[in-house]
Structures are given as structure tokens and as C-alpha cells.
Amino acid sequence: MNKLLICIVAGMTTGMGNGSVFGATLMCFLGRGKFEDWGGAPNALNFHPATFTGFVDWVMIVFGVAFVIIMVLALAKHEQLEAAASR
């Protein structure tokens, strides 16, 4: 359980950080757009993918989940290699 928690924390932190950088890069390339589509909407509108903030929030969640999966797979492979080396 401890290893899974570490994978979740490290994966979500790294992945969501990369997702926010991806969103900032999109903003730089595409432009900011209209102010009402930029963000700051109350409640669930923050996650509406038609707004820029909602899109970036979803990208951050997807990147976070992807990095958690990568961390779990990497840790499983590492444990296999460690077990084989200790024989």
C-alpha cells in the first residue's frame, strides 16, 4: 500500500505539473482568447472542456493518471529486476 501511495503522489504531482506546462504552451501558441473563456468560472464550469481552463484541467488529470500508470509499471519492473538480482 505504501508503494502505491508513493506512485499516486509522485505520478499525479509530476503528471499534473506537466499538464499545466502543456496548457501554458497552448496559451502561448494559440493566444488567450476571450476573457469569459479563460477561466475563473464557478463550480463545475471549471472542468467544462469547452473553456480553456476546463481543457487544461482535463489535460492535467489525464497526464496525472498516465504518469501514475507509468510509475506503477516502472516500480513493478524494478521489483522484478531486484528479485532476479538477489537470487
C-alpha atoms as a PDB file:
ATOM      1  CA  MET A   1       0.000   0.000   0.000  1.00  0.00           C
ATOM      2  CA  ASN A   2       2.842   2.357   0.818  1.00  0.00           C
ATOM      3  CA  LYS A   3       4.379   1.863  -2.636  1.00  0.00           C
ATOM      4  CA  LEU A   4       1.052   2.509  -4.328  1.00  0.00           C
ATOM      5  CA  LEU A   5       0.585   5.741  -2.371  1.00  0.00           C
ATOM      6  CA  ILE A   6       4.063   6.896  -3.392  1.00  0.00           C
ATOM      7  CA  CYS A   7       3.253   6.092  -7.040  1.00  0.00           C
ATOM      8  CA  ILE A   8      -0.013   8.021  -6.855  1.00  0.00           C
ATOM      9  CA  VAL A   9       1.516  11.093  -5.204  1.00  0.00           C
ATOM     10  CA  ALA A  10       4.624  11.181  -7.405  1.00  0.00           C
ATOM     11  CA  GLY A  11       2.713  10.365 -10.586  1.00  0.00           C
ATOM     12  CA  MET A  12      -0.088  12.878 -10.080  1.00  0.00           C
ATOM     13  CA  THR A  13       2.301  15.622  -9.000  1.00  0.00           C
ATOM     14  CA  THR A  14       4.613  15.111 -11.962  1.00  0.00           C
ATOM     15  CA  GLY A  15       1.858  14.464 -14.481  1.00  0.00           C
ATOM     16  CA  MET A  16      -0.344  17.379 -13.458  1.00  0.00           C
ATOM     17  CA  GLY A  17       2.690  19.649 -13.451  1.00  0.00           C
ATOM     18  CA  ASN A  18       3.498  18.584 -16.985  1.00  0.00           C
ATOM     19  CA  GLY A  19      -0.152  19.047 -17.947  1.00  0.00           C
ATOM     20  CA  SER A  20      -0.111  22.622 -16.678  1.00  0.00           C
ATOM     21  CA  VAL A  21       3.038  23.333 -18.692  1.00  0.00           C
ATOM     22  CA  PHE A  22       1.282  21.850 -21.726  1.00  0.00           C
ATOM     23  CA  GLY A  23      -1.658  24.212 -21.087  1.00  0.00           C
ATOM     24  CA  ALA A  24       0.650  27.212 -20.732  1.00  0.00           C
ATOM     25  CA  THR A  25       2.316  26.261 -24.006  1.00  0.00           C
ATOM     26  CA  LEU A  26      -1.073  26.102 -25.699  1.00  0.00           C
ATOM     27  CA  MET A  27      -1.894  29.535 -24.331  1.00  0.00           C
ATOM     28  CA  CYS A  28       1.338  30.921 -25.750  1.00  0.00           C
ATOM     29  CA  PHE A  29       0.769  29.409 -29.190  1.00  0.00           C
ATOM     30  CA  LEU A  30      -2.997  29.857 -29.507  1.00  0.00           C
ATOM     31  CA  GLY A  31      -3.472  33.096 -27.639  1.00  0.00           C
ATOM     32  CA  ARG A  32      -5.584  33.797 -24.640  1.00  0.00           C
ATOM     33  CA  GLY A  33      -8.966  34.099 -26.329  1.00  0.00           C
ATOM     34  CA  LYS A  34     -11.976  35.837 -24.869  1.00  0.00           C
ATOM     35  CA  PHE A  35     -11.842  36.613 -21.176  1.00  0.00           C
ATOM     36  CA  GLU A  36     -15.028  34.693 -20.361  1.00  0.00           C
ATOM     37  CA  ASP A  37     -13.489  31.529 -21.843  1.00  0.00           C
ATOM     38  CA  TRP A  38     -10.227  31.925 -19.974  1.00  0.00           C
ATOM     39  CA  GLY A  39     -11.333  30.640 -16.588  1.00  0.00           C
ATOM     40  CA  GLY A  40     -12.490  31.619 -13.186  1.00  0.00           C
ATOM     41  CA  ALA A  41     -15.938  30.173 -13.769  1.00  0.00           C
ATOM     42  CA  PRO A  42     -17.681  28.951 -10.639  1.00  0.00           C
ATOM     43  CA  ASN A  43     -18.102  25.308  -9.606  1.00  0.00           C
ATOM     44  CA  ALA A  44     -18.271  22.629 -12.317  1.00  0.00           C
ATOM     45  CA  LEU A  45     -17.693  25.074 -15.180  1.00  0.00           C
ATOM     46  CA  ASN A  46     -14.021  24.957 -14.268  1.00  0.00           C
ATOM     47  CA  PHE A  47     -13.979  21.444 -15.727  1.00  0.00           C
ATOM     48  CA  HIS A  48     -16.038  22.186 -18.845  1.00  0.00           C
ATOM     49  CA  PRO A  49     -13.735  21.215 -21.737  1.00  0.00           C
ATOM     50  CA  ALA A  50     -15.057  23.990 -23.994  1.00  0.00           C
ATOM     51  CA  THR A  51     -13.338  26.596 -21.825  1.00  0.00           C
ATOM     52  CA  PHE A  52      -9.578  26.930 -21.789  1.00  0.00           C
ATOM     53  CA  THR A  53      -9.349  26.306 -18.052  1.00  0.00           C
ATOM     54  CA  GLY A  54     -11.565  23.240 -18.311  1.00  0.00           C
ATOM     55  CA  PHE A  55      -9.462  21.840 -21.127  1.00  0.00           C
ATOM     56  CA  VAL A  56      -6.234  22.385 -19.206  1.00  0.00           C
ATOM     57  CA  ASP A  57      -7.765  20.856 -16.071  1.00  0.00           C
ATOM     58  CA  TRP A  58      -8.695  17.727 -18.025  1.00  0.00           C
ATOM     59  CA  VAL A  59      -5.255  17.593 -19.622  1.00  0.00           C
ATOM     60  CA  MET A  60      -3.679  17.792 -16.172  1.00  0.00           C
ATOM     61  CA  ILE A  61      -5.875  14.954 -14.881  1.00  0.00           C
ATOM     62  CA  VAL A  62      -5.119  12.766 -17.909  1.00  0.00           C
ATOM     63  CA  PHE A  63      -1.375  13.458 -17.661  1.00  0.00           C
ATOM     64  CA  GLY A  64      -1.511  12.702 -13.918  1.00  0.00           C
ATOM     65  CA  VAL A  65      -3.258   9.363 -14.419  1.00  0.00           C
ATOM     66  CA  ALA A  66      -0.835   8.467 -17.218  1.00  0.00           C
ATOM     67  CA  PHE A  67       2.163   9.193 -15.000  1.00  0.00           C
ATOM     68  CA  VAL A  68       0.659   7.121 -12.157  1.00  0.00           C
ATOM     69  CA  ILE A  69       0.351   4.193 -14.568  1.00  0.00           C
ATOM     70  CA  ILE A  70       3.938   4.732 -15.713  1.00  0.00           C
ATOM     71  CA  MET A  71       5.142   4.823 -12.090  1.00  0.00           C
ATOM     72  CA  VAL A  72       3.280   1.617 -11.172  1.00  0.00           C
ATOM     73  CA  LEU A  73       4.649  -0.217 -14.213  1.00  0.00           C
ATOM     74  CA  ALA A  74       8.178   1.044 -13.572  1.00  0.00           C
ATOM     75  CA  LEU A  75       8.046   0.031  -9.920  1.00  0.00           C
ATOM     76  CA  ALA A  76       6.743  -3.435 -10.813  1.00  0.00           C
ATOM     77  CA  LYS A  77       9.550  -3.931 -13.331  1.00  0.00           C
ATOM     78  CA  HIS A  78      12.105  -2.652 -10.822  1.00  0.00           C
ATOM     79  CA  GLU A  79      10.861  -5.139  -8.224  1.00  0.00           C
ATOM     80  CA  GLN A  80      11.189  -7.955 -10.777  1.00  0.00           C
ATOM     81  CA  LEU A  81      14.766  -6.956 -11.573  1.00  0.00           C
ATOM     82  CA  GLU A  82      15.658  -6.661  -7.881  1.00  0.00           C
ATOM     83  CA  ALA A  83      14.190 -10.098  -7.160  1.00  0.00           C
ATOM     84  CA  ALA A  84      16.136 -11.630 -10.048  1.00  0.00           C
ATOM     85  CA  ALA A  85      19.379  -9.954  -8.961  1.00  0.00           C
ATOM     86  CA  SER A  86      19.078 -11.098  -5.350  1.00  0.00           C
ATOM     87  CA  ARG A  87      18.851 -14.794  -6.253  1.00  0.00           C
END
